[in-house]
Amino acid sequence: MEADDGELVPLSVSLNEDGAATDSATVVQNQNEITIEFASGAYFKGKMTERAQPIQGFYIQPGNQIGGQALAHPVALAAHSDGEWRGTATPLARQFTVFMDVSDAEDGALTAVLLNPERNITGPARRYDFNKAADAGAYALALPGGGDDFASLRIEKADSLMRMDFGPLKDFELSPIDADSSIAVGFVGDKRSNELLSPVPANDWLTGTPEDAGFKRGALTRVVQDLASASGGDKSPSLVHSLLVARGGKLIVEEYFRDHSRGEPHDTRSAGKTFASILVGALIQEGHSLSSDTPINKFISVPNEPDHAPVTIGDLLTHQSGLDCYDGDRDTAGHEDVMWNQGDNPNFWQYIAQLDSVAEPGSRYAYCSGGMNLVGAALAGASGESVLSLLQTRLFEPLGFENAYWNVMPNGEAYLGGGAQLRTRDLLKIGQLYLDGGKWRGKQLIDHNWVKESILAKVEITPVTTGLDENAFNRFYFGGTDGLAWHLHSITVGEKTYQTYEASGNGGQLVVVIPDFDLVVGMTGGNYGQGYIWGKWRQQIIADGVIAALESE
């Protein structure tokens, strides 16, 4: 019944009025709601409808030290025999990889370059002095110039293994690999042929060729080759994991790099926040009474807000709630890490809603993941459904998402503050959905007026609007303008400037829409904590590379 991440988990349960128990799981039945709890901490939550019909629900795999938060993915238990249902869960395989390249520095000392593709745990610093320690076979990685040790290492000559202690990880094992091996592609990059691979046709995207979409194939090929060949050993490399381009509603470029692949979900980080806004538009399309002016206290108690200025959905979607929440300051009670680590309230909607008010709603911009997540309270309250169910039925199913894993709060409800694991091919669809006014394959999924409002400028991100001095502002923000959970920017092509809107997340998770070119570009990357690198991809890769490859440019 139980399995490690990535292994199939067969679910076979017998249900009766009182629930049932198996060798490795406990089944709890509360009227039509079913919960199967595993000893590992994983569990299944679903609802029975008519007898003999599948039990639709979600399998939640627990978080772990290297993979982050708990993740949910849809599972159906089908009736197998009287009182017995069977299904299979597929937890996401979560890995943690470290590449280390040791070489001679100019002064004869040893230098080590570290690369962690999944989380970039080393942050902006990636080059270290490789120093021999006092103990035989022991070494230490230290910041250049006599800085503090980052990690300690031990070389075990018997099996050529190296063991490293750094951060929360102890006894992390490193094995030698050849620079020409397939595994090393994650560090050294790879060489691409002169022929772009055609996107794989499927029942989700219409596909086409670069030529049909007005691109010069050779110019696009050079863009792809440059991204593929970037080495982790380069100074400030762009660690792009995927590049997908759609024009005229057709997917015409689909390239993956550094050992990533089409079927693989990727951490979307804060690009997942945009789904909060999209779901509001989906419920408006269904006729629910929601708008950017809807007060959140209609759905959840907000005890400390000013009496004359309730926090609205629009305030939350533009990071202007006025609550004591700013992800750039760990001393605020609503800081994302503080919220996740507090342990007292597993319902983050309640946790954020009960924060003190430190500014008038709508008067100050303060980036707050917990506030974005609070939109979920309105979604659940208006629809009477869980946010997980809304994501699945209103977006994932009609858009044809596959291998989608959504991160959840400790109470098992979807977290809308970012961090979902999605295929780039699927993430790209939300850009096309909005470019087409909320339609997908001719069906209106999102209210058209909500789409238009969402990509209007709502707040400019400046020292004035954030209330920060220049130094404090520059440590956390890059400027720009926000709509309703969409970021608005501009790019330059030739001598002209064009407006863009995007969903974006730490590390280079991007869906960029350029309406003037009928273009949507999706990217994922591994430059976590390096906004000074991935924040330039919009101009350097999309404008100067992809758009410059158009025949008319």
Protein backbone atom coordinates (compact mmCIF):
# COMPACT_ATOMS: atom_id res chain seq x y z
CA MET A 1 0.00 0.00 0.00
CA GLU A 2 2.75 2.46 0.87
CA ALA A 3 5.55 3.44 -1.44
CA ASP A 4 8.42 5.83 -1.84
CA ASP A 5 7.90 8.93 -3.96
CA GLY A 6 7.53 7.99 -7.61
CA GLU A 7 6.33 4.43 -7.01
CA LEU A 8 2.78 3.34 -7.78
CA VAL A 9 0.50 3.04 -4.77
CA PRO A 10 -2.35 0.55 -5.33
CA LEU A 11 -5.43 1.48 -3.31
CA SER A 12 -7.89 -1.30 -2.55
CA VAL A 13 -10.38 -0.75 0.25
CA SER A 14 -13.58 -2.24 1.59
CA LEU A 15 -16.07 0.31 2.86
CA ASN A 16 -19.02 0.02 5.19
CA GLU A 17 -20.97 2.33 7.45
CA ASP A 18 -18.25 2.37 10.11
CA GLY A 19 -15.24 2.52 7.79
CA ALA A 20 -12.66 -0.23 7.59
CA ALA A 21 -9.01 -0.99 8.24
CA THR A 22 -6.37 -2.68 6.08
CA ASP A 23 -2.87 -3.85 6.93
CA SER A 24 -1.27 -0.52 6.07
CA ALA A 25 -4.08 2.04 6.00
CA THR A 26 -7.05 3.22 8.00
CA VAL A 27 -10.30 4.08 6.23
CA VAL A 28 -12.59 6.71 7.74
CA GLN A 29 -16.05 7.16 6.25
CA ASN A 30 -18.17 10.19 7.16
CA GLN A 31 -21.41 9.94 5.18
CA ASN A 32 -20.24 10.31 1.56
CA GLU A 33 -16.71 11.48 2.40
CA ILE A 34 -13.90 8.92 2.44
CA THR A 35 -10.43 9.34 3.93
CA ILE A 36 -7.74 6.66 3.67
CA GLU A 37 -4.83 7.36 6.01
CA PHE A 38 -1.44 5.68 5.52
CA ALA A 39 1.22 5.16 8.14
CA SER A 40 3.65 7.18 5.99
CA GLY A 41 1.55 10.31 6.43
CA ALA A 42 0.06 10.06 2.93
CA TYR A 43 -3.71 10.00 2.62
CA PHE A 44 -6.56 9.88 0.12
CA LYS A 45 -9.60 12.16 0.35
CA GLY A 46 -12.63 11.58 -1.85
CA LYS A 47 -16.39 11.66 -2.14
CA MET A 48 -18.84 8.91 -3.00
CA THR A 49 -21.69 9.82 -5.31
CA GLU A 50 -23.95 7.07 -6.61
CA ARG A 51 -23.32 3.49 -5.65
CA ALA A 52 -20.90 1.67 -7.98
CA GLN A 53 -19.67 5.01 -9.36
CA PRO A 54 -15.97 5.87 -8.95
CA ILE A 55 -14.94 7.71 -5.82
CA GLN A 56 -13.30 10.88 -7.10
CA GLY A 57 -10.64 12.38 -4.89
CA PHE A 58 -7.01 13.29 -4.32
CA TYR A 59 -3.99 11.40 -3.05
CA ILE A 60 -1.84 13.64 -0.88
CA GLN A 61 1.80 12.67 -0.54
CA PRO A 62 3.52 14.20 2.50
CA GLY A 63 6.20 16.82 2.22
CA ASN A 64 9.80 15.93 2.88
CA GLN A 65 13.11 17.57 3.63
CA ILE A 66 14.25 17.80 0.03
CA GLY A 67 10.99 17.99 -1.88
CA GLY A 68 9.14 20.68 0.00
CA GLN A 69 5.42 20.79 0.65
CA ALA A 70 2.81 18.05 0.51
CA LEU A 71 1.40 17.48 -2.99
CA ALA A 72 -2.03 16.39 -4.17
CA HIS A 73 -2.95 14.72 -7.43
CA PRO A 74 -6.31 13.34 -8.60
CA VAL A 75 -7.13 9.66 -8.13
CA ALA A 76 -10.37 7.79 -8.83
CA LEU A 77 -11.28 4.62 -6.95
CA ALA A 78 -13.41 2.45 -9.23
CA ALA A 79 -15.93 -0.09 -7.93
CA HIS A 80 -14.38 -3.55 -8.26
CA SER A 81 -16.83 -5.72 -6.36
CA ASP A 82 -19.55 -5.23 -3.80
CA GLY A 83 -18.19 -2.78 -1.26
CA GLU A 84 -14.69 -2.69 -2.75
CA TRP A 85 -13.02 0.08 -4.71
CA ARG A 86 -9.62 0.09 -6.38
CA GLY A 87 -7.36 2.73 -7.84
CA THR A 88 -3.71 3.66 -8.24
CA ALA A 89 -1.90 6.71 -6.94
CA THR A 90 1.35 7.92 -8.49
CA PRO A 91 3.29 10.12 -6.07
CA LEU A 92 5.67 12.55 -7.69
CA ALA A 93 9.26 11.32 -7.65
CA ARG A 94 11.18 14.10 -5.94
CA GLN A 95 14.94 14.19 -6.20
CA PHE A 96 17.74 16.37 -4.96
CA THR A 97 20.83 16.56 -7.17
CA VAL A 98 24.16 18.23 -6.54
CA PHE A 99 26.86 18.62 -9.19
CA MET A 100 30.34 19.63 -8.06
CA ASP A 101 33.14 20.50 -10.46
CA VAL A 102 36.59 20.91 -8.89
CA SER A 103 39.31 22.65 -10.88
CA ASP A 104 42.59 24.51 -10.46
CA ALA A 105 42.33 28.22 -9.84
CA GLU A 106 44.83 30.69 -11.29
CA ASP A 107 46.81 30.77 -8.04
CA GLY A 108 47.13 26.99 -7.97
CA ALA A 109 44.46 26.51 -5.31
CA LEU A 110 41.41 24.36 -5.90
CA THR A 111 38.02 25.87 -6.71
CA ALA A 112 34.69 24.04 -6.57
CA VAL A 113 31.54 25.00 -8.47
CA LEU A 114 28.27 23.65 -7.04
CA LEU A 115 25.01 23.31 -8.93
CA ASN A 116 21.71 22.11 -7.44
CA PRO A 117 19.16 22.05 -10.31
CA GLU A 118 16.04 21.51 -8.20
CA ARG A 119 16.42 24.32 -5.65
CA ASN A 120 19.77 26.05 -6.23
CA ILE A 121 20.38 25.66 -2.51
CA THR A 122 23.70 27.49 -2.73
CA GLY A 123 21.92 30.68 -3.79
CA PRO A 124 23.80 33.41 -5.64
CA ALA A 125 27.19 32.06 -4.49
CA ARG A 126 28.20 29.02 -6.53
CA ARG A 127 32.01 29.13 -6.51
CA TYR A 128 33.90 28.09 -3.40
CA ASP A 129 37.46 27.59 -2.25
CA PHE A 130 38.11 23.85 -1.94
CA ASN A 131 40.26 23.67 1.18
CA LYS A 132 41.93 20.67 2.76
CA ALA A 133 40.96 20.21 6.40
CA ALA A 134 43.06 18.88 9.27
CA ASP A 135 41.61 15.38 9.19
CA ALA A 136 42.84 12.98 6.52
CA GLY A 137 40.50 12.89 3.54
CA ALA A 138 38.51 15.86 4.83
CA TYR A 139 37.85 19.10 2.96
CA ALA A 140 35.73 22.20 3.34
CA LEU A 141 34.01 24.50 0.88
CA ALA A 142 34.44 28.13 1.88
CA LEU A 143 33.36 31.39 0.31
CA PRO A 144 36.27 32.99 -1.58
CA GLY A 145 38.37 35.45 0.35
CA GLY A 146 38.37 33.63 3.66
CA GLY A 147 34.62 33.44 4.18
CA ASP A 148 32.78 31.00 6.40
CA ASP A 149 32.64 27.33 5.49
CA PHE A 150 29.57 26.39 3.46
CA ALA A 151 30.00 22.63 3.59
CA SER A 152 32.30 19.90 4.84
CA LEU A 153 33.35 16.93 2.72
CA ARG A 154 34.95 13.56 3.26
CA ILE A 155 36.51 11.50 0.48
CA GLU A 156 36.26 7.75 0.87
CA LYS A 157 39.03 6.42 -1.35
CA ALA A 158 37.87 2.82 -1.08
CA ASP A 159 34.85 3.44 -3.30
CA SER A 160 35.73 6.90 -4.69
CA LEU A 161 32.72 8.38 -2.95
CA MET A 162 32.59 11.83 -1.46
CA ARG A 163 30.20 12.59 1.39
CA MET A 164 29.06 16.13 2.06
CA ASP A 165 27.33 17.86 4.96
CA PHE A 166 25.64 21.13 4.12
CA GLY A 167 22.50 22.92 5.20
CA PRO A 168 19.93 20.47 6.52
CA LEU A 169 21.46 17.53 4.65
CA LYS A 170 23.95 15.24 6.32
CA ASP A 171 26.08 12.55 4.74
CA PHE A 172 24.98 13.50 1.21
CA GLU A 173 26.69 11.14 -1.22
CA LEU A 174 28.52 12.33 -4.34
CA SER A 175 29.77 9.84 -6.93
CA PRO A 176 32.23 10.60 -9.74
CA ILE A 177 30.72 10.87 -13.24
CA ASP A 178 32.28 11.35 -16.65
CA ALA A 179 31.77 14.77 -18.22
CA ASP A 180 30.52 13.06 -21.39
CA SER A 181 27.88 10.98 -19.61
CA SER A 182 24.16 11.61 -20.04
CA ILE A 183 23.88 12.50 -16.35
CA ALA A 184 26.44 15.29 -16.72
CA VAL A 185 24.13 17.11 -19.16
CA GLY A 186 22.49 18.64 -16.10
CA PHE A 187 25.74 20.50 -15.44
CA VAL A 188 27.71 20.86 -18.67
CA GLY A 189 24.79 21.37 -21.05
CA ASP A 190 24.56 19.64 -24.42
CA LYS A 191 25.06 20.26 -28.09
CA ARG A 192 21.99 20.35 -30.30
CA SER A 193 21.74 19.47 -33.97
CA ASN A 194 20.87 22.09 -36.52
CA GLU A 195 17.29 20.81 -36.64
CA LEU A 196 14.64 21.91 -34.16
CA LEU A 197 12.51 19.10 -32.80
CA SER A 198 8.84 19.40 -33.74
CA PRO A 199 6.37 19.64 -30.85
CA VAL A 200 4.71 16.34 -30.07
CA PRO A 201 1.11 16.33 -31.35
CA ALA A 202 -1.43 15.44 -28.66
CA ASN A 203 -5.07 16.09 -27.90
CA ASP A 204 -4.27 19.30 -26.02
CA TRP A 205 -2.30 21.65 -28.27
CA LEU A 206 -2.63 22.23 -31.97
CA THR A 207 0.90 22.08 -33.35
CA GLY A 208 2.69 23.68 -36.27
CA THR A 209 6.11 24.50 -37.67
CA PRO A 210 8.20 27.63 -37.11
CA GLU A 211 7.90 28.47 -40.81
CA ASP A 212 4.10 28.26 -40.72
CA ALA A 213 4.13 30.70 -37.78
CA GLY A 214 6.39 33.16 -39.58
CA PHE A 215 9.71 32.29 -37.93
CA LYS A 216 13.13 31.77 -39.44
CA ARG A 217 14.00 28.24 -38.38
CA GLY A 218 17.74 28.89 -38.38
CA ALA A 219 17.41 31.86 -36.05
CA LEU A 220 15.21 29.91 -33.63
CA THR A 221 17.63 27.00 -33.76
CA ARG A 222 20.46 29.26 -32.65
CA VAL A 223 18.39 30.42 -29.68
CA VAL A 224 17.81 26.81 -28.66
CA GLN A 225 21.46 25.86 -29.16
CA ASP A 226 22.65 28.74 -26.98
CA LEU A 227 20.30 27.73 -24.17
CA ALA A 228 21.27 24.07 -24.43
CA SER A 229 25.02 24.64 -24.36
CA ALA A 230 25.16 26.87 -21.28
CA SER A 231 27.38 25.21 -18.67
CA GLY A 232 26.89 25.25 -14.94
CA GLY A 233 30.55 26.16 -14.72
CA ASP A 234 30.05 29.41 -16.64
CA LYS A 235 29.92 32.69 -14.77
CA SER A 236 26.25 33.53 -14.03
CA PRO A 237 24.79 30.99 -16.51
CA SER A 238 21.15 30.99 -17.59
CA LEU A 239 20.00 27.57 -16.41
CA VAL A 240 16.96 27.21 -18.66
CA HIS A 241 15.08 23.92 -18.31
CA SER A 242 12.48 24.39 -21.05
CA LEU A 243 11.40 26.77 -23.81
CA LEU A 244 7.99 26.51 -25.46
CA VAL A 245 6.58 28.92 -28.03
CA ALA A 246 3.00 29.19 -29.29
CA ARG A 247 1.86 31.54 -32.03
CA GLY A 248 -1.58 31.82 -33.53
CA GLY A 249 -2.82 29.26 -31.03
CA LYS A 250 -0.39 26.59 -32.22
CA LEU A 251 2.59 25.17 -30.34
CA ILE A 252 5.56 25.54 -32.68
CA VAL A 253 8.61 25.13 -30.41
CA GLU A 254 8.92 22.64 -27.54
CA GLU A 255 12.45 22.20 -26.25
CA TYR A 256 13.76 20.82 -22.96
CA PHE A 257 17.26 21.18 -21.58
CA ARG A 258 19.56 19.87 -18.86
CA ASP A 259 17.94 16.42 -18.70
CA HIS A 260 14.38 17.74 -18.34
CA SER A 261 11.54 16.30 -20.42
CA ARG A 262 8.06 16.89 -21.81
CA GLY A 263 6.16 14.70 -19.35
CA GLU A 264 7.97 15.99 -16.27
CA PRO A 265 6.18 18.35 -13.87
CA HIS A 266 8.31 21.32 -12.86
CA ASP A 267 8.13 23.50 -9.77
CA THR A 268 6.26 26.62 -10.88
CA ARG A 269 7.02 28.63 -7.73
CA SER A 270 5.05 31.90 -7.71
CA ALA A 271 3.76 31.42 -11.24
CA GLY A 272 1.20 29.25 -9.47
CA LYS A 273 -0.23 32.36 -7.77
CA THR A 274 -1.86 33.41 -11.02
CA PHE A 275 -4.23 30.44 -10.77
CA ALA A 276 -5.96 32.22 -7.87
CA SER A 277 -7.04 34.96 -10.26
CA ILE A 278 -7.92 32.51 -13.03
CA LEU A 279 -10.25 30.57 -10.73
CA VAL A 280 -12.06 33.76 -9.74
CA GLY A 281 -12.73 34.35 -13.42
CA ALA A 282 -13.90 30.76 -13.86
CA LEU A 283 -16.49 31.13 -11.09
CA ILE A 284 -17.67 34.48 -12.45
CA GLN A 285 -18.18 32.76 -15.81
CA GLU A 286 -20.42 30.23 -14.04
CA GLY A 287 -22.54 33.02 -12.57
CA HIS A 288 -21.12 33.26 -9.06
CA SER A 289 -21.28 36.72 -7.50
CA LEU A 290 -17.59 37.57 -7.29
CA SER A 291 -15.55 40.58 -8.38
CA SER A 292 -12.36 42.38 -7.47
CA ASP A 293 -14.46 44.49 -5.08
CA THR A 294 -15.91 41.52 -3.18
CA PRO A 295 -14.83 41.75 0.49
CA ILE A 296 -13.09 38.65 1.78
CA ASN A 297 -14.97 38.97 5.10
CA LYS A 298 -18.01 37.70 3.23
CA PHE A 299 -16.38 34.27 3.41
CA ILE A 300 -14.09 34.37 6.45
CA SER A 301 -13.78 36.47 9.59
CA VAL A 302 -11.19 39.25 9.34
CA PRO A 303 -11.27 40.54 12.92
CA ASN A 304 -8.54 43.20 12.76
CA GLU A 305 -9.30 45.03 9.53
CA PRO A 306 -10.37 48.69 9.68
CA ASP A 307 -14.14 48.98 9.98
CA HIS A 308 -14.41 51.40 7.07
CA ALA A 309 -12.18 49.54 4.59
CA PRO A 310 -12.70 45.80 4.19
CA VAL A 311 -10.02 43.74 2.46
CA THR A 312 -11.23 42.80 -1.02
CA ILE A 313 -10.36 40.05 -3.47
CA GLY A 314 -8.69 42.74 -5.57
CA ASP A 315 -6.56 43.83 -2.62
CA LEU A 316 -5.34 40.26 -2.14
CA LEU A 317 -4.65 39.71 -5.84
CA THR A 318 -2.56 42.91 -5.96
CA HIS A 319 -0.70 42.38 -2.65
CA GLN A 320 -2.43 45.39 -1.05
CA SER A 321 -4.34 43.80 1.83
CA GLY A 322 -2.75 46.03 4.47
CA LEU A 323 -2.33 43.01 6.75
CA ASP A 324 0.92 42.34 8.63
CA CYS A 325 2.35 40.25 5.82
CA TYR A 326 5.42 40.94 3.68
CA ASP A 327 7.57 38.13 2.31
CA GLY A 328 10.58 40.44 2.29
CA ASP A 329 10.55 40.83 6.08
CA ARG A 330 10.68 37.79 8.36
CA ASP A 331 9.58 39.95 11.28
CA THR A 332 6.08 40.23 9.82
CA ALA A 333 3.68 37.61 11.15
CA GLY A 334 2.44 36.76 7.67
CA HIS A 335 5.86 36.09 6.10
CA GLU A 336 5.50 32.88 4.10
CA ASP A 337 8.15 30.94 6.02
CA VAL A 338 6.73 32.11 9.37
CA MET A 339 3.28 30.96 8.30
CA TRP A 340 4.49 27.53 7.17
CA ASN A 341 6.61 26.99 10.27
CA GLN A 342 4.20 28.27 12.95
CA GLY A 343 2.49 24.88 13.40
CA ASP A 344 -0.46 26.17 15.46
CA ASN A 345 -3.03 26.75 12.72
CA PRO A 346 -3.06 24.35 9.74
CA ASN A 347 -5.70 26.53 8.05
CA PHE A 348 -3.65 29.31 6.48
CA TRP A 349 -6.79 31.18 5.42
CA GLN A 350 -7.63 31.69 9.08
CA TYR A 351 -4.01 32.40 9.99
CA ILE A 352 -3.68 35.26 7.50
CA ALA A 353 -7.18 36.65 8.00
CA GLN A 354 -6.53 37.11 11.72
CA LEU A 355 -3.36 39.17 11.26
CA ASP A 356 -3.20 42.76 12.44
CA SER A 357 -3.89 45.48 9.92
CA VAL A 358 -0.84 47.72 9.45
CA ALA A 359 -2.07 49.79 6.50
CA GLU A 360 -5.30 50.77 4.84
CA PRO A 361 -6.33 48.07 2.32
CA GLY A 362 -5.41 49.20 -1.18
CA SER A 363 -2.91 51.79 0.04
CA ARG A 364 0.40 49.90 0.18
CA TYR A 365 2.01 47.17 -1.91
CA ALA A 366 3.60 44.36 0.14
CA TYR A 367 4.27 41.05 -1.61
CA CYS A 368 2.40 38.46 0.45
CA SER A 369 2.04 34.81 -0.60
CA GLY A 370 -0.32 34.14 2.28
CA GLY A 371 -2.62 36.92 1.12
CA MET A 372 -2.78 35.48 -2.38
CA ASN A 373 -3.61 32.11 -0.86
CA LEU A 374 -6.45 33.72 1.13
CA VAL A 375 -8.34 34.15 -2.16
CA GLY A 376 -9.01 30.42 -1.81
CA ALA A 377 -11.42 31.17 1.05
CA ALA A 378 -13.57 33.18 -1.36
CA LEU A 379 -13.36 30.49 -4.04
CA ALA A 380 -14.42 27.72 -1.67
CA GLY A 381 -17.07 29.85 0.01
CA ALA A 382 -18.67 30.99 -3.23
CA SER A 383 -18.66 27.56 -4.91
CA GLY A 384 -19.17 25.21 -1.97
CA GLU A 385 -16.30 23.11 -3.33
CA SER A 386 -12.68 22.63 -2.32
CA VAL A 387 -10.09 24.62 -4.23
CA LEU A 388 -8.48 21.32 -5.25
CA SER A 389 -11.75 20.31 -6.87
CA LEU A 390 -12.06 23.68 -8.61
CA LEU A 391 -8.56 23.41 -10.04
CA GLN A 392 -9.27 19.92 -11.34
CA THR A 393 -12.74 20.45 -12.81
CA ARG A 394 -12.57 24.08 -14.01
CA LEU A 395 -9.02 24.11 -15.35
CA PHE A 396 -7.05 20.88 -15.45
CA GLU A 397 -9.70 18.73 -17.11
CA PRO A 398 -10.93 21.21 -19.76
CA LEU A 399 -7.37 22.32 -20.55
CA GLY A 400 -6.03 18.76 -20.72
CA PHE A 401 -3.44 19.00 -17.95
CA GLU A 402 -1.46 15.83 -17.25
CA ASN A 403 0.79 14.86 -14.34
CA ALA A 404 -0.37 17.87 -12.34
CA TYR A 405 0.59 18.01 -8.66
CA TRP A 406 -0.75 20.83 -6.50
CA ASN A 407 0.81 21.72 -3.17
CA VAL A 408 -1.52 21.80 -0.17
CA MET A 409 -1.72 23.46 3.22
CA PRO A 410 -1.34 21.31 6.35
CA ASN A 411 -5.15 20.98 6.43
CA GLY A 412 -5.15 19.36 2.98
CA GLU A 413 -6.65 22.28 1.02
CA ALA A 414 -4.90 23.70 -2.04
CA TYR A 415 -2.28 26.38 -1.41
CA LEU A 416 -2.52 29.28 -3.87
CA GLY A 417 0.67 31.01 -2.76
CA GLY A 418 2.81 29.21 -5.35
CA GLY A 419 4.70 25.94 -5.64
CA ALA A 420 2.55 23.67 -7.81
CA GLN A 421 4.35 21.10 -9.97
CA LEU A 422 3.12 21.33 -13.57
CA ARG A 423 4.34 20.46 -17.06
CA THR A 424 5.56 23.49 -19.02
CA ARG A 425 3.28 22.37 -21.85
CA ASP A 426 0.32 22.79 -19.48
CA LEU A 427 1.51 25.99 -17.82
CA LEU A 428 1.74 27.57 -21.28
CA LYS A 429 -2.00 27.02 -21.72
CA ILE A 430 -2.99 29.68 -19.20
CA GLY A 431 -1.23 32.26 -21.35
CA GLN A 432 -3.05 31.09 -24.47
CA LEU A 433 -6.31 30.99 -22.50
CA TYR A 434 -5.98 34.66 -21.60
CA LEU A 435 -4.67 35.71 -25.01
CA ASP A 436 -7.89 34.22 -26.43
CA GLY A 437 -10.08 36.15 -23.99
CA GLY A 438 -10.74 33.25 -21.63
CA LYS A 439 -11.53 30.68 -24.32
CA TRP A 440 -9.93 27.30 -24.93
CA ARG A 441 -10.79 25.43 -28.09
CA GLY A 442 -13.79 27.70 -28.56
CA LYS A 443 -15.25 27.17 -25.07
CA GLN A 444 -15.47 30.13 -22.71
CA LEU A 445 -13.82 28.98 -19.46
CA ILE A 446 -12.99 32.37 -17.93
CA ASP A 447 -15.23 35.42 -17.90
CA HIS A 448 -14.13 37.68 -20.75
CA ASN A 449 -14.46 40.90 -18.74
CA TRP A 450 -12.45 39.39 -15.89
CA VAL A 451 -9.66 38.57 -18.35
CA LYS A 452 -9.59 42.18 -19.53
CA GLU A 453 -9.61 43.55 -15.98
CA SER A 454 -6.92 41.13 -14.81
CA ILE A 455 -4.31 42.43 -17.22
CA LEU A 456 -4.96 46.13 -16.59
CA ALA A 457 -2.41 48.02 -14.52
CA LYS A 458 -3.62 48.08 -10.91
CA VAL A 459 -0.51 49.08 -8.95
CA GLU A 460 3.00 50.20 -9.85
CA ILE A 461 5.70 48.62 -7.70
CA THR A 462 7.94 51.45 -6.49
CA PRO A 463 9.55 52.64 -3.26
CA VAL A 464 6.59 55.01 -2.87
CA THR A 465 3.88 52.35 -3.23
CA THR A 466 5.76 49.90 -0.99
CA GLY A 467 6.72 52.46 1.65
CA LEU A 468 10.35 51.30 1.50
CA ASP A 469 13.55 53.27 1.09
CA GLU A 470 15.61 52.67 -2.05
CA ASN A 471 17.97 50.16 -0.45
CA ALA A 472 15.23 48.06 1.16
CA PHE A 473 13.20 48.19 -2.07
CA ASN A 474 16.07 47.04 -4.26
CA ARG A 475 16.86 44.11 -1.98
CA PHE A 476 13.50 42.48 -2.74
CA TYR A 477 11.77 44.10 -5.72
CA PHE A 478 12.55 44.58 -9.40
CA GLY A 479 9.85 47.14 -10.11
CA GLY A 480 7.14 46.68 -12.71
CA THR A 481 3.37 46.84 -12.53
CA ASP A 482 0.81 44.32 -11.33
CA GLY A 483 -2.65 43.48 -12.56
CA LEU A 484 -4.80 40.90 -10.78
CA ALA A 485 -2.07 38.31 -10.09
CA TRP A 486 -0.53 39.01 -13.50
CA HIS A 487 2.73 40.97 -13.83
CA LEU A 488 2.86 43.65 -16.53
CA HIS A 489 6.10 44.57 -18.27
CA SER A 490 7.37 45.82 -21.61
CA ILE A 491 9.97 44.58 -24.08
CA THR A 492 11.91 46.31 -26.82
CA VAL A 493 12.17 44.90 -30.33
CA GLY A 494 14.18 47.08 -32.66
CA GLU A 495 13.11 50.62 -31.86
CA LYS A 496 9.60 49.71 -30.71
CA THR A 497 8.26 48.88 -27.26
CA TYR A 498 5.60 46.23 -26.72
CA GLN A 499 3.52 45.43 -23.64
CA THR A 500 3.54 41.99 -22.04
CA TYR A 501 1.76 40.29 -19.18
CA GLU A 502 3.03 37.22 -17.40
CA ALA A 503 2.85 34.69 -14.62
CA SER A 504 6.30 34.32 -13.12
CA GLY A 505 8.08 32.47 -10.36
CA ASN A 506 11.47 32.30 -8.68
CA GLY A 507 14.13 30.55 -10.72
CA GLY A 508 12.72 31.43 -14.14
CA GLN A 509 9.24 29.92 -14.25
CA LEU A 510 7.52 32.07 -16.86
CA VAL A 511 4.44 32.33 -19.02
CA VAL A 512 4.81 35.52 -21.04
CA VAL A 513 2.05 36.79 -23.34
CA ILE A 514 2.89 39.33 -26.06
CA PRO A 515 -0.46 40.23 -27.65
CA ASP A 516 1.01 42.36 -30.46
CA PHE A 517 2.72 39.25 -31.84
CA ASP A 518 -0.09 36.78 -31.01
CA LEU A 519 2.61 35.01 -29.03
CA VAL A 520 2.86 33.02 -25.80
CA VAL A 521 6.21 31.82 -24.46
CA GLY A 522 6.68 29.41 -21.57
CA MET A 523 9.94 28.78 -19.75
CA THR A 524 11.16 26.94 -16.69
CA GLY A 525 14.56 27.28 -15.10
CA GLY A 526 16.87 26.60 -12.20
CA ASN A 527 18.20 30.06 -11.36
CA TYR A 528 16.47 30.12 -7.97
CA GLY A 529 17.40 33.15 -5.89
CA GLN A 530 18.97 34.79 -8.96
CA GLY A 531 16.37 37.24 -10.19
CA TYR A 532 19.17 39.32 -11.66
CA ILE A 533 19.58 36.46 -14.17
CA TRP A 534 16.11 35.08 -14.91
CA GLY A 535 14.48 38.51 -14.64
CA LYS A 536 16.27 39.43 -17.87
CA TRP A 537 15.03 36.45 -19.89
CA ARG A 538 11.93 38.33 -21.00
CA GLN A 539 14.13 40.74 -22.96
CA GLN A 540 17.26 38.69 -23.62
CA ILE A 541 15.68 35.39 -24.69
CA ILE A 542 12.10 36.20 -25.69
CA ALA A 543 12.49 39.63 -27.30
CA ASP A 544 16.09 39.48 -28.54
CA GLY A 545 15.91 35.79 -29.43
CA VAL A 546 12.44 34.41 -30.16
CA ILE A 547 10.71 37.52 -31.50
CA ALA A 548 13.83 38.61 -33.37
CA ALA A 549 13.58 35.30 -35.25
CA LEU A 550 10.31 36.35 -36.90
CA GLU A 551 10.57 36.86 -40.67
CA SER A 552 9.13 40.37 -40.35
CA GLU A 553 11.65 41.53 -37.73
